[in-house]
PDB file of all heavy atoms in Angstrom:
ATOM      1  N   VAL A   1      -7.744 -15.390   4.878  1.00  0.00           N
ATOM      2  CA  VAL A   1      -8.352 -14.526   3.860  1.00  0.00           C
ATOM      3  C   VAL A   1      -7.332 -13.502   3.388  1.00  0.00           C
ATOM      4  O   VAL A   1      -6.535 -12.979   4.183  1.00  0.00           O
ATOM      5  CB  VAL A   1      -9.587 -13.795   4.445  1.00  0.00           C
ATOM      6  CG1 VAL A   1     -10.004 -12.622   3.569  1.00  0.00           C
ATOM      7  CG2 VAL A   1     -10.753 -14.756   4.616  1.00  0.00           C
ATOM      8  N   SER A   2      -7.357 -13.217   2.092  1.00  0.00           N
ATOM      9  CA  SER A   2      -6.727 -11.988   1.579  1.00  0.00           C
ATOM     10  C   SER A   2      -7.812 -11.200   0.860  1.00  0.00           C
ATOM     11  O   SER A   2      -8.619 -11.777   0.114  1.00  0.00           O
ATOM     12  CB  SER A   2      -5.559 -12.304   0.645  1.00  0.00           C
ATOM     13  OG  SER A   2      -6.012 -12.962  -0.526  1.00  0.00           O
ATOM     14  N   MET A   3      -7.856  -9.910   1.116  1.00  0.00           N
ATOM     15  CA  MET A   3      -8.892  -9.058   0.540  1.00  0.00           C
ATOM     16  C   MET A   3      -8.247  -7.802  -0.018  1.00  0.00           C
ATOM     17  O   MET A   3      -7.383  -7.200   0.624  1.00  0.00           O
ATOM     18  CB  MET A   3      -9.950  -8.696   1.585  1.00  0.00           C
ATOM     19  CG  MET A   3     -11.134  -7.922   1.006  1.00  0.00           C
ATOM     20  SD  MET A   3     -12.444  -7.594   2.236  1.00  0.00           S
ATOM     21  CE  MET A   3     -11.684  -6.249   3.169  1.00  0.00           C
ATOM     22  N   LEU A   4      -8.677  -7.413  -1.197  1.00  0.00           N
ATOM     23  CA  LEU A   4      -8.154  -6.230  -1.872  1.00  0.00           C
ATOM     24  C   LEU A   4      -9.311  -5.270  -2.118  1.00  0.00           C
ATOM     25  O   LEU A   4     -10.345  -5.653  -2.669  1.00  0.00           O
ATOM     26  CB  LEU A   4      -7.518  -6.630  -3.202  1.00  0.00           C
ATOM     27  CG  LEU A   4      -6.582  -5.639  -3.886  1.00  0.00           C
ATOM     28  CD1 LEU A   4      -5.335  -5.404  -3.034  1.00  0.00           C
ATOM     29  CD2 LEU A   4      -6.186  -6.160  -5.268  1.00  0.00           C
ATOM     30  N   ALA A   5      -9.143  -4.013  -1.672  1.00  0.00           N
ATOM     31  CA  ALA A   5     -10.139  -2.970  -1.902  1.00  0.00           C
ATOM     32  C   ALA A   5      -9.525  -1.941  -2.847  1.00  0.00           C
ATOM     33  O   ALA A   5      -8.662  -1.145  -2.446  1.00  0.00           O
ATOM     34  CB  ALA A   5     -10.557  -2.319  -0.589  1.00  0.00           C
ATOM     35  N   ILE A   6      -9.952  -1.969  -4.109  1.00  0.00           N
ATOM     36  CA  ILE A   6      -9.352  -1.152  -5.168  1.00  0.00           C
ATOM     37  C   ILE A   6     -10.093   0.169  -5.273  1.00  0.00           C
ATOM     38  O   ILE A   6     -11.325   0.208  -5.363  1.00  0.00           O
ATOM     39  CB  ILE A   6      -9.413  -1.905  -6.510  1.00  0.00           C
ATOM     40  CG1 ILE A   6      -8.737  -3.274  -6.360  1.00  0.00           C
ATOM     41  CG2 ILE A   6      -8.757  -1.104  -7.612  1.00  0.00           C
ATOM     42  CD1 ILE A   6      -9.041  -4.224  -7.508  1.00  0.00           C
ATOM     43  N   ALA A   7      -9.330   1.266  -5.280  1.00  0.00           N
ATOM     44  CA  ALA A   7      -9.924   2.604  -5.325  1.00  0.00           C
ATOM     45  C   ALA A   7     -10.629   2.845  -6.657  1.00  0.00           C
ATOM     46  O   ALA A   7     -10.290   2.233  -7.676  1.00  0.00           O
ATOM     47  CB  ALA A   7      -8.845   3.654  -5.102  1.00  0.00           C
ATOM     48  N   PRO A   8     -11.618   3.742  -6.685  1.00  0.00           N
ATOM     49  CA  PRO A   8     -12.336   4.030  -7.930  1.00  0.00           C
ATOM     50  C   PRO A   8     -11.434   4.505  -9.061  1.00  0.00           C
ATOM     51  O   PRO A   8     -11.728   4.232 -10.234  1.00  0.00           O
ATOM     52  CB  PRO A   8     -13.339   5.117  -7.516  1.00  0.00           C
ATOM     53  CG  PRO A   8     -13.556   4.891  -6.049  1.00  0.00           C
ATOM     54  CD  PRO A   8     -12.227   4.436  -5.526  1.00  0.00           C
ATOM     55  N   ASP A   9     -10.322   5.190  -8.742  1.00  0.00           N
ATOM     56  CA  ASP A   9      -9.431   5.639  -9.813  1.00  0.00           C
ATOM     57  C   ASP A   9      -8.468   4.544 -10.269  1.00  0.00           C
ATOM     58  O   ASP A   9      -7.686   4.750 -11.202  1.00  0.00           O
ATOM     59  CB  ASP A   9      -8.649   6.885  -9.376  1.00  0.00           C
ATOM     60  CG  ASP A   9      -7.691   6.606  -8.214  1.00  0.00           C
ATOM     61  OD1 ASP A   9      -7.561   5.425  -7.804  1.00  0.00           O
ATOM     62  OD2 ASP A   9      -7.062   7.561  -7.719  1.00  0.00           O
ATOM     63  N   ARG A  10      -8.524   3.374  -9.621  1.00  0.00           N
ATOM     64  CA  ARG A  10      -7.746   2.180  -9.975  1.00  0.00           C
ATOM     65  C   ARG A  10      -6.233   2.345  -9.800  1.00  0.00           C
ATOM     66  O   ARG A  10      -5.472   1.470 -10.186  1.00  0.00           O
ATOM     67  CB  ARG A  10      -8.013   1.746 -11.433  1.00  0.00           C
ATOM     68  CG  ARG A  10      -9.477   1.646 -11.797  1.00  0.00           C
ATOM     69  CD  ARG A  10     -10.143   0.481 -11.111  1.00  0.00           C
ATOM     70  NE  ARG A  10     -11.530   0.332 -11.530  1.00  0.00           N
ATOM     71  CZ  ARG A  10     -12.587   0.522 -10.769  1.00  0.00           C
ATOM     72  NH1 ARG A  10     -12.423   0.893  -9.499  1.00  0.00           N
ATOM     73  NH2 ARG A  10     -13.803   0.349 -11.222  1.00  0.00           N
ATOM     74  N   ARG A  11      -5.790   3.427  -9.181  1.00  0.00           N
ATOM     75  CA  ARG A  11      -4.352   3.650  -9.041  1.00  0.00           C
ATOM     76  C   ARG A  11      -3.827   3.233  -7.670  1.00  0.00           C
ATOM     77  O   ARG A  11      -2.614   3.234  -7.446  1.00  0.00           O
ATOM     78  CB  ARG A  11      -4.015   5.132  -9.287  1.00  0.00           C
ATOM     79  CG  ARG A  11      -4.409   5.603 -10.684  1.00  0.00           C
ATOM     80  CD  ARG A  11      -3.989   7.056 -10.901  1.00  0.00           C
ATOM     81  NE  ARG A  11      -2.536   7.200 -10.940  1.00  0.00           N
ATOM     82  CZ  ARG A  11      -1.796   7.079 -12.041  1.00  0.00           C
ATOM     83  NH1 ARG A  11      -2.371   6.802 -13.212  1.00  0.00           N
ATOM     84  NH2 ARG A  11      -0.481   7.230 -11.980  1.00  0.00           N
ATOM     85  N   SER A  12      -4.710   2.863  -6.758  1.00  0.00           N
ATOM     86  CA  SER A  12      -4.291   2.426  -5.432  1.00  0.00           C
ATOM     87  C   SER A  12      -5.289   1.405  -4.907  1.00  0.00           C
ATOM     88  O   SER A  12      -6.400   1.268  -5.429  1.00  0.00           O
ATOM     89  CB  SER A  12      -4.187   3.614  -4.463  1.00  0.00           C
ATOM     90  OG  SER A  12      -5.475   4.182  -4.243  1.00  0.00           O
ATOM     91  N   ALA A  13      -4.877   0.704  -3.867  1.00  0.00           N
ATOM     92  CA  ALA A  13      -5.743  -0.300  -3.257  1.00  0.00           C
ATOM     93  C   ALA A  13      -5.298  -0.531  -1.827  1.00  0.00           C
ATOM     94  O   ALA A  13      -4.142  -0.259  -1.461  1.00  0.00           O
ATOM     95  CB  ALA A  13      -5.698  -1.609  -4.040  1.00  0.00           C
ATOM     96  N   ASP A  14      -6.206  -1.017  -1.012  1.00  0.00           N
ATOM     97  CA  ASP A  14      -5.891  -1.411   0.355  1.00  0.00           C
ATOM     98  C   ASP A  14      -5.886  -2.939   0.416  1.00  0.00           C
ATOM     99  O   ASP A  14      -6.830  -3.601  -0.038  1.00  0.00           O
ATOM    100  CB  ASP A  14      -6.928  -0.863   1.341  1.00  0.00           C
ATOM    101  CG  ASP A  14      -6.808   0.641   1.522  1.00  0.00           C
ATOM    102  OD1 ASP A  14      -5.702   1.170   1.322  1.00  0.00           O
ATOM    103  OD2 ASP A  14      -7.822   1.285   1.848  1.00  0.00           O
ATOM    104  N   LEU A  15      -4.806  -3.489   0.981  1.00  0.00           N
ATOM    105  CA  LEU A  15      -4.657  -4.933   1.104  1.00  0.00           C
ATOM    106  C   LEU A  15      -4.883  -5.336   2.555  1.00  0.00           C
ATOM    107  O   LEU A  15      -4.282  -4.773   3.465  1.00  0.00           O
ATOM    108  CB  LEU A  15      -3.258  -5.361   0.651  1.00  0.00           C
ATOM    109  CG  LEU A  15      -2.906  -6.842   0.840  1.00  0.00           C
ATOM    110  CD1 LEU A  15      -3.808  -7.738   0.006  1.00  0.00           C
ATOM    111  CD2 LEU A  15      -1.433  -7.083   0.502  1.00  0.00           C
ATOM    112  N   TYR A  16      -5.757  -6.328   2.755  1.00  0.00           N
ATOM    113  CA  TYR A  16      -6.029  -6.891   4.077  1.00  0.00           C
ATOM    114  C   TYR A  16      -5.610  -8.354   4.061  1.00  0.00           C
ATOM    115  O   TYR A  16      -6.076  -9.135   3.224  1.00  0.00           O
ATOM    116  CB  TYR A  16      -7.516  -6.790   4.423  1.00  0.00           C
ATOM    117  CG  TYR A  16      -8.049  -5.375   4.450  1.00  0.00           C
ATOM    118  CD1 TYR A  16      -8.464  -4.748   3.278  1.00  0.00           C
ATOM    119  CD2 TYR A  16      -8.153  -4.673   5.648  1.00  0.00           C
ATOM    120  CE1 TYR A  16      -8.971  -3.450   3.295  1.00  0.00           C
ATOM    121  CE2 TYR A  16      -8.653  -3.375   5.676  1.00  0.00           C
ATOM    122  CZ  TYR A  16      -9.054  -2.771   4.496  1.00  0.00           C
ATOM    123  OH  TYR A  16      -9.551  -1.489   4.521  1.00  0.00           O
ATOM    124  N   LEU A  17      -4.752  -8.741   5.001  1.00  0.00           N
ATOM    125  CA  LEU A  17      -4.285 -10.116   5.089  1.00  0.00           C
ATOM    126  C   LEU A  17      -4.665 -10.691   6.445  1.00  0.00           C
ATOM    127  O   LEU A  17      -4.296 -10.146   7.495  1.00  0.00           O
ATOM    128  CB  LEU A  17      -2.768 -10.192   4.916  1.00  0.00           C
ATOM    129  CG  LEU A  17      -2.219  -9.902   3.514  1.00  0.00           C
ATOM    130  CD1 LEU A  17      -0.708  -9.898   3.549  1.00  0.00           C
ATOM    131  CD2 LEU A  17      -2.725 -10.926   2.512  1.00  0.00           C
ATOM    132  N   ALA A  18      -5.398 -11.806   6.410  1.00  0.00           N
ATOM    133  CA  ALA A  18      -5.808 -12.498   7.633  1.00  0.00           C
ATOM    134  C   ALA A  18      -5.198 -13.899   7.601  1.00  0.00           C
ATOM    135  O   ALA A  18      -5.870 -14.879   7.266  1.00  0.00           O
ATOM    136  CB  ALA A  18      -7.327 -12.556   7.735  1.00  0.00           C
ATOM    137  N   GLY A  19      -3.889 -13.978   7.901  1.00  0.00           N
ATOM    138  CA  GLY A  19      -3.213 -15.266   7.946  1.00  0.00           C
ATOM    139  C   GLY A  19      -3.101 -15.965   6.613  1.00  0.00           C
ATOM    140  O   GLY A  19      -2.873 -17.179   6.560  1.00  0.00           O
ATOM    141  N   HIS A  20      -3.252 -15.240   5.519  1.00  0.00           N
ATOM    142  CA  HIS A  20      -3.336 -15.848   4.190  1.00  0.00           C
ATOM    143  C   HIS A  20      -2.049 -15.596   3.400  1.00  0.00           C
ATOM    144  O   HIS A  20      -1.330 -14.620   3.662  1.00  0.00           O
ATOM    145  CB  HIS A  20      -4.523 -15.237   3.435  1.00  0.00           C
ATOM    146  CG  HIS A  20      -5.004 -16.066   2.286  1.00  0.00           C
ATOM    147  ND1 HIS A  20      -5.842 -17.137   2.435  1.00  0.00           N
ATOM    148  CD2 HIS A  20      -4.752 -15.979   0.959  1.00  0.00           C
ATOM    149  CE1 HIS A  20      -6.097 -17.674   1.255  1.00  0.00           C
ATOM    150  NE2 HIS A  20      -5.441 -16.989   0.339  1.00  0.00           N
ATOM    151  N   PRO A  21      -1.741 -16.473   2.417  1.00  0.00           N
ATOM    152  CA  PRO A  21      -0.576 -16.206   1.560  1.00  0.00           C
ATOM    153  C   PRO A  21      -0.655 -14.829   0.905  1.00  0.00           C
ATOM    154  O   PRO A  21      -1.722 -14.372   0.499  1.00  0.00           O
ATOM    155  CB  PRO A  21      -0.667 -17.324   0.513  1.00  0.00           C
ATOM    156  CG  PRO A  21      -1.378 -18.434   1.193  1.00  0.00           C
ATOM    157  CD  PRO A  21      -2.371 -17.769   2.100  1.00  0.00           C
ATOM    158  N   VAL A  22       0.504 -14.200   0.783  1.00  0.00           N
ATOM    159  CA  VAL A  22       0.582 -12.833   0.253  1.00  0.00           C
ATOM    160  C   VAL A  22       0.364 -12.855  -1.264  1.00  0.00           C
ATOM    161  O   VAL A  22       0.982 -13.657  -1.979  1.00  0.00           O
ATOM    162  CB  VAL A  22       1.951 -12.217   0.589  1.00  0.00           C
ATOM    163  CG1 VAL A  22       2.036 -10.789   0.076  1.00  0.00           C
ATOM    164  CG2 VAL A  22       2.199 -12.280   2.085  1.00  0.00           C
ATOM    165  N   PRO A  23      -0.508 -11.987  -1.792  1.00  0.00           N
ATOM    166  CA  PRO A  23      -0.721 -11.927  -3.237  1.00  0.00           C
ATOM    167  C   PRO A  23       0.546 -11.518  -3.985  1.00  0.00           C
ATOM    168  O   PRO A  23       1.494 -10.979  -3.402  1.00  0.00           O
ATOM    169  CB  PRO A  23      -1.828 -10.875  -3.401  1.00  0.00           C
ATOM    170  CG  PRO A  23      -2.499 -10.831  -2.065  1.00  0.00           C
ATOM    171  CD  PRO A  23      -1.420 -11.101  -1.062  1.00  0.00           C
ATOM    172  N   LEU A  24       0.527 -11.748  -5.295  1.00  0.00           N
ATOM    173  CA  LEU A  24       1.658 -11.394  -6.156  1.00  0.00           C
ATOM    174  C   LEU A  24       1.306 -10.161  -6.983  1.00  0.00           C
ATOM    175  O   LEU A  24       0.192 -10.032  -7.503  1.00  0.00           O
ATOM    176  CB  LEU A  24       1.977 -12.543  -7.109  1.00  0.00           C
ATOM    177  CG  LEU A  24       2.313 -13.910  -6.521  1.00  0.00           C
ATOM    178  CD1 LEU A  24       2.646 -14.891  -7.645  1.00  0.00           C
ATOM    179  CD2 LEU A  24       3.457 -13.806  -5.528  1.00  0.00           C
TER     180      LEU A  24
END
């Protein structure tokens, strides 16, 4: 899994990687 949690101001995000290919 790859999961992205984007902040309400859209200027930052938290990336969670569970053995998954890294996003671009």
